[in-house]
Amino acid sequence: MNKPNSLREHLLTAVAGLKKNPDRLLIFIDTGSVRCTAAKGLSFEYSYSMQVLLTDFAGHPDSVFIPVLEWLRRQQPELLTNLERGKDAIAFEADILDGGKVDMSLTLPLTERVIVKRLGDGSLEISHPEEPDFEL
């Protein structure tokens, strides 16, 4: 799975304070599954909920949600283009702490395609194609 590390790197770059304190950004995978059809090949799709947790975060929530939306435009665009799928797609919770800080949790439903091809020598070629490019 490539998207968890991709989002981590994006947030560490885009959200003030996280680059200096990367330990305050935690990412977990919940309720994952693998879908594969009975087709000839071994290609499949990961489907999972990704939890993003920011601890002791002192910034404004906008400074997190805007980079997340920017990342979703490239990595999971149907959450933004499909109104039915997107209406409850980006869930969040926040625990208000002392001193203007929060522990904030975001939940994102993600998928990743994995293309598996058997080569002539019997070995497998595995690739993770980019998401379709929607004009947003």
C-alpha atoms as a PDB file:
ATOM      1  CA  MET A   1       0.000   0.000   0.000  1.00  0.00           C
ATOM      2  CA  ASN A   2       1.454   3.311  -1.079  1.00  0.00           C
ATOM      3  CA  LYS A   3      -1.158   5.880  -0.078  1.00  0.00           C
ATOM      4  CA  PRO A   4      -0.454   5.968   3.687  1.00  0.00           C
ATOM      5  CA  ASN A   5       3.182   6.969   3.141  1.00  0.00           C
ATOM      6  CA  SER A   6       2.175   9.367   0.376  1.00  0.00           C
ATOM      7  CA  LEU A   7      -0.255  11.204   2.656  1.00  0.00           C
ATOM      8  CA  ARG A   8       2.257  11.218   5.512  1.00  0.00           C
ATOM      9  CA  GLU A   9       4.898  12.879   3.323  1.00  0.00           C
ATOM     10  CA  HIS A  10       2.371  15.375   1.971  1.00  0.00           C
ATOM     11  CA  LEU A  11       1.176  16.393   5.449  1.00  0.00           C
ATOM     12  CA  LEU A  12       4.700  16.639   6.859  1.00  0.00           C
ATOM     13  CA  THR A  13       5.506  19.096   4.081  1.00  0.00           C
ATOM     14  CA  ALA A  14       2.220  21.021   3.988  1.00  0.00           C
ATOM     15  CA  VAL A  15       1.187  21.393   7.651  1.00  0.00           C
ATOM     16  CA  ALA A  16       3.191  23.861   9.722  1.00  0.00           C
ATOM     17  CA  GLY A  17       4.768  22.276  12.771  1.00  0.00           C
ATOM     18  CA  LEU A  18       4.539  18.655  11.664  1.00  0.00           C
ATOM     19  CA  LYS A  19       7.929  18.582   9.954  1.00  0.00           C
ATOM     20  CA  LYS A  20       9.574  19.542  13.263  1.00  0.00           C
ATOM     21  CA  ASN A  21       7.389  17.081  15.191  1.00  0.00           C
ATOM     22  CA  PRO A  22       6.691  14.122  12.874  1.00  0.00           C
ATOM     23  CA  ASP A  23       5.951  11.902  15.885  1.00  0.00           C
ATOM     24  CA  ARG A  24       2.692  13.862  16.325  1.00  0.00           C
ATOM     25  CA  LEU A  25       1.378  12.417  13.047  1.00  0.00           C
ATOM     26  CA  LEU A  26       0.181   8.824  13.329  1.00  0.00           C
ATOM     27  CA  ILE A  27      -1.373   6.800  10.516  1.00  0.00           C
ATOM     28  CA  PHE A  28      -3.256   3.524  10.934  1.00  0.00           C
ATOM     29  CA  ILE A  29      -5.097   1.197   8.581  1.00  0.00           C
ATOM     30  CA  ASP A  30      -8.482  -0.041   9.833  1.00  0.00           C
ATOM     31  CA  THR A  31     -10.993  -2.455   8.343  1.00  0.00           C
ATOM     32  CA  GLY A  32      -9.007  -3.344   5.271  1.00  0.00           C
ATOM     33  CA  SER A  33      -9.916  -5.906   2.651  1.00  0.00           C
ATOM     34  CA  VAL A  34      -8.571  -7.261  -0.615  1.00  0.00           C
ATOM     35  CA  ARG A  35     -10.861  -7.715  -3.617  1.00  0.00           C
ATOM     36  CA  CYS A  36      -9.903 -10.006  -6.451  1.00  0.00           C
ATOM     37  CA  THR A  37     -12.119 -11.333  -9.206  1.00  0.00           C
ATOM     38  CA  ALA A  38     -11.985 -14.802 -10.683  1.00  0.00           C
ATOM     39  CA  ALA A  39     -10.355 -13.337 -13.781  1.00  0.00           C
ATOM     40  CA  LYS A  40      -7.307 -14.997 -15.289  1.00  0.00           C
ATOM     41  CA  GLY A  41      -4.774 -12.691 -13.625  1.00  0.00           C
ATOM     42  CA  LEU A  42      -3.870 -12.046 -10.004  1.00  0.00           C
ATOM     43  CA  SER A  43      -4.574  -8.300 -10.024  1.00  0.00           C
ATOM     44  CA  PHE A  44      -6.490  -7.023  -7.020  1.00  0.00           C
ATOM     45  CA  GLU A  45      -7.585  -3.945  -5.106  1.00  0.00           C
ATOM     46  CA  TYR A  46      -6.898  -2.908  -1.528  1.00  0.00           C
ATOM     47  CA  SER A  47      -9.856  -1.244   0.167  1.00  0.00           C
ATOM     48  CA  TYR A  48      -9.365   0.222   3.635  1.00  0.00           C
ATOM     49  CA  SER A  49     -10.110   2.985   6.078  1.00  0.00           C
ATOM     50  CA  MET A  50      -7.080   5.068   6.875  1.00  0.00           C
ATOM     51  CA  GLN A  51      -6.961   6.792  10.250  1.00  0.00           C
ATOM     52  CA  VAL A  52      -4.857   9.937  10.449  1.00  0.00           C
ATOM     53  CA  LEU A  53      -4.206  11.127  13.995  1.00  0.00           C
ATOM     54  CA  LEU A  54      -2.593  14.426  14.899  1.00  0.00           C
ATOM     55  CA  THR A  55      -1.697  14.692  18.576  1.00  0.00           C
ATOM     56  CA  ASP A  56      -1.246  17.938  20.514  1.00  0.00           C
ATOM     57  CA  PHE A  57      -2.008  19.894  17.353  1.00  0.00           C
ATOM     58  CA  ALA A  58      -1.998  23.670  17.905  1.00  0.00           C
ATOM     59  CA  GLY A  59      -2.936  24.825  14.397  1.00  0.00           C
ATOM     60  CA  HIS A  60      -6.299  25.582  12.845  1.00  0.00           C
ATOM     61  CA  PRO A  61      -8.185  22.579  11.386  1.00  0.00           C
ATOM     62  CA  ASP A  62      -8.180  24.317   7.976  1.00  0.00           C
ATOM     63  CA  SER A  63      -4.406  23.909   7.872  1.00  0.00           C
ATOM     64  CA  VAL A  64      -4.940  20.126   7.893  1.00  0.00           C
ATOM     65  CA  PHE A  65      -8.107  19.745   5.819  1.00  0.00           C
ATOM     66  CA  ILE A  66      -6.909  21.859   2.896  1.00  0.00           C
ATOM     67  CA  PRO A  67      -3.770  19.713   2.343  1.00  0.00           C
ATOM     68  CA  VAL A  68      -5.863  16.542   2.790  1.00  0.00           C
ATOM     69  CA  LEU A  69      -8.320  17.736   0.127  1.00  0.00           C
ATOM     70  CA  GLU A  70      -5.416  18.661  -2.139  1.00  0.00           C
ATOM     71  CA  TRP A  71      -3.973  15.155  -1.701  1.00  0.00           C
ATOM     72  CA  LEU A  72      -7.367  13.515  -2.324  1.00  0.00           C
ATOM     73  CA  ARG A  73      -7.677  15.361  -5.654  1.00  0.00           C
ATOM     74  CA  ARG A  74      -4.727  13.305  -6.901  1.00  0.00           C
ATOM     75  CA  GLN A  75      -4.957  10.113  -4.867  1.00  0.00           C
ATOM     76  CA  GLN A  76      -8.694   9.395  -4.425  1.00  0.00           C
ATOM     77  CA  PRO A  77     -10.526  11.866  -6.671  1.00  0.00           C
ATOM     78  CA  GLU A  78     -13.880  10.071  -6.657  1.00  0.00           C
ATOM     79  CA  LEU A  79     -14.326  11.170  -3.032  1.00  0.00           C
ATOM     80  CA  LEU A  80     -14.542  14.708  -4.421  1.00  0.00           C
ATOM     81  CA  THR A  81     -16.305  14.051  -7.727  1.00  0.00           C
ATOM     82  CA  ASN A  82     -18.917  11.492  -6.628  1.00  0.00           C
ATOM     83  CA  LEU A  83     -21.428  13.288  -4.382  1.00  0.00           C
ATOM     84  CA  GLU A  84     -22.938  10.067  -3.052  1.00  0.00           C
ATOM     85  CA  ARG A  85     -19.582   8.513  -2.169  1.00  0.00           C
ATOM     86  CA  GLY A  86     -18.152  11.765  -0.880  1.00  0.00           C
ATOM     87  CA  LYS A  87     -20.938  12.995   1.389  1.00  0.00           C
ATOM     88  CA  ASP A  88     -19.719  11.041   4.429  1.00  0.00           C
ATOM     89  CA  ALA A  89     -16.279  10.137   3.150  1.00  0.00           C
ATOM     90  CA  ILE A  90     -14.056  12.404   5.204  1.00  0.00           C
ATOM     91  CA  ALA A  91     -14.981  11.803   8.824  1.00  0.00           C
ATOM     92  CA  PHE A  92     -13.211  13.460  11.729  1.00  0.00           C
ATOM     93  CA  GLU A  93     -13.190  13.740  15.499  1.00  0.00           C
ATOM     94  CA  ALA A  94     -11.359  16.135  17.785  1.00  0.00           C
ATOM     95  CA  ASP A  95     -10.564  16.106  21.478  1.00  0.00           C
ATOM     96  CA  ILE A  96     -10.093  19.653  22.742  1.00  0.00           C
ATOM     97  CA  LEU A  97      -7.084  19.794  25.064  1.00  0.00           C
ATOM     98  CA  ASP A  98      -5.742  22.513  27.338  1.00  0.00           C
ATOM     99  CA  GLY A  99      -3.722  25.355  25.867  1.00  0.00           C
ATOM    100  CA  GLY A 100      -5.557  25.540  22.542  1.00  0.00           C
ATOM    101  CA  LYS A 101      -4.339  22.152  21.344  1.00  0.00           C
ATOM    102  CA  VAL A 102      -6.378  19.252  19.986  1.00  0.00           C
ATOM    103  CA  ASP A 103      -5.993  15.589  19.241  1.00  0.00           C
ATOM    104  CA  MET A 104      -7.619  15.294  15.822  1.00  0.00           C
ATOM    105  CA  SER A 105      -8.513  12.103  13.982  1.00  0.00           C
ATOM    106  CA  LEU A 106      -9.517  11.857  10.309  1.00  0.00           C
ATOM    107  CA  THR A 107     -10.877   8.734   8.642  1.00  0.00           C
ATOM    108  CA  LEU A 108     -10.526   8.347   4.879  1.00  0.00           C
ATOM    109  CA  PRO A 109     -11.954   5.443   2.827  1.00  0.00           C
ATOM    110  CA  LEU A 110      -9.272   4.555   0.282  1.00  0.00           C
ATOM    111  CA  THR A 111      -8.639   2.043  -2.458  1.00  0.00           C
ATOM    112  CA  GLU A 112      -5.476   1.064  -4.319  1.00  0.00           C
ATOM    113  CA  ARG A 113      -5.279  -1.037  -7.456  1.00  0.00           C
ATOM    114  CA  VAL A 114      -2.487  -3.557  -7.863  1.00  0.00           C
ATOM    115  CA  ILE A 115      -1.792  -4.909 -11.345  1.00  0.00           C
ATOM    116  CA  VAL A 116      -0.067  -8.294 -11.388  1.00  0.00           C
ATOM    117  CA  LYS A 117       1.293  -9.742 -14.639  1.00  0.00           C
ATOM    118  CA  ARG A 118       3.006 -13.093 -15.029  1.00  0.00           C
ATOM    119  CA  LEU A 119       6.066 -12.736 -17.249  1.00  0.00           C
ATOM    120  CA  GLY A 120       7.375 -15.304 -19.703  1.00  0.00           C
ATOM    121  CA  ASP A 121       9.912 -16.605 -17.188  1.00  0.00           C
ATOM    122  CA  GLY A 122       7.163 -17.194 -14.603  1.00  0.00           C
ATOM    123  CA  SER A 123       8.060 -14.245 -12.400  1.00  0.00           C
ATOM    124  CA  LEU A 124       5.497 -11.618 -11.464  1.00  0.00           C
ATOM    125  CA  GLU A 125       5.531  -7.955 -12.436  1.00  0.00           C
ATOM    126  CA  ILE A 126       3.639  -5.880  -9.859  1.00  0.00           C
ATOM    127  CA  SER A 127       2.609  -2.269 -10.427  1.00  0.00           C
ATOM    128  CA  HIS A 128       0.455   0.270  -8.632  1.00  0.00           C
ATOM    129  CA  PRO A 129      -1.162   2.482 -11.282  1.00  0.00           C
ATOM    130  CA  GLU A 130      -1.967   6.118 -10.647  1.00  0.00           C
ATOM    131  CA  GLU A 131      -5.565   7.120 -10.054  1.00  0.00           C
ATOM    132  CA  PRO A 132      -7.521   8.439 -13.044  1.00  0.00           C
ATOM    133  CA  ASP A 133      -6.890  12.136 -13.643  1.00  0.00           C
ATOM    134  CA  PHE A 134     -10.144  14.057 -13.240  1.00  0.00           C
ATOM    135  CA  GLU A 135     -10.352  17.714 -14.179  1.00  0.00           C
ATOM    136  CA  LEU A 136     -11.297  19.304 -10.848  1.00  0.00           C
END
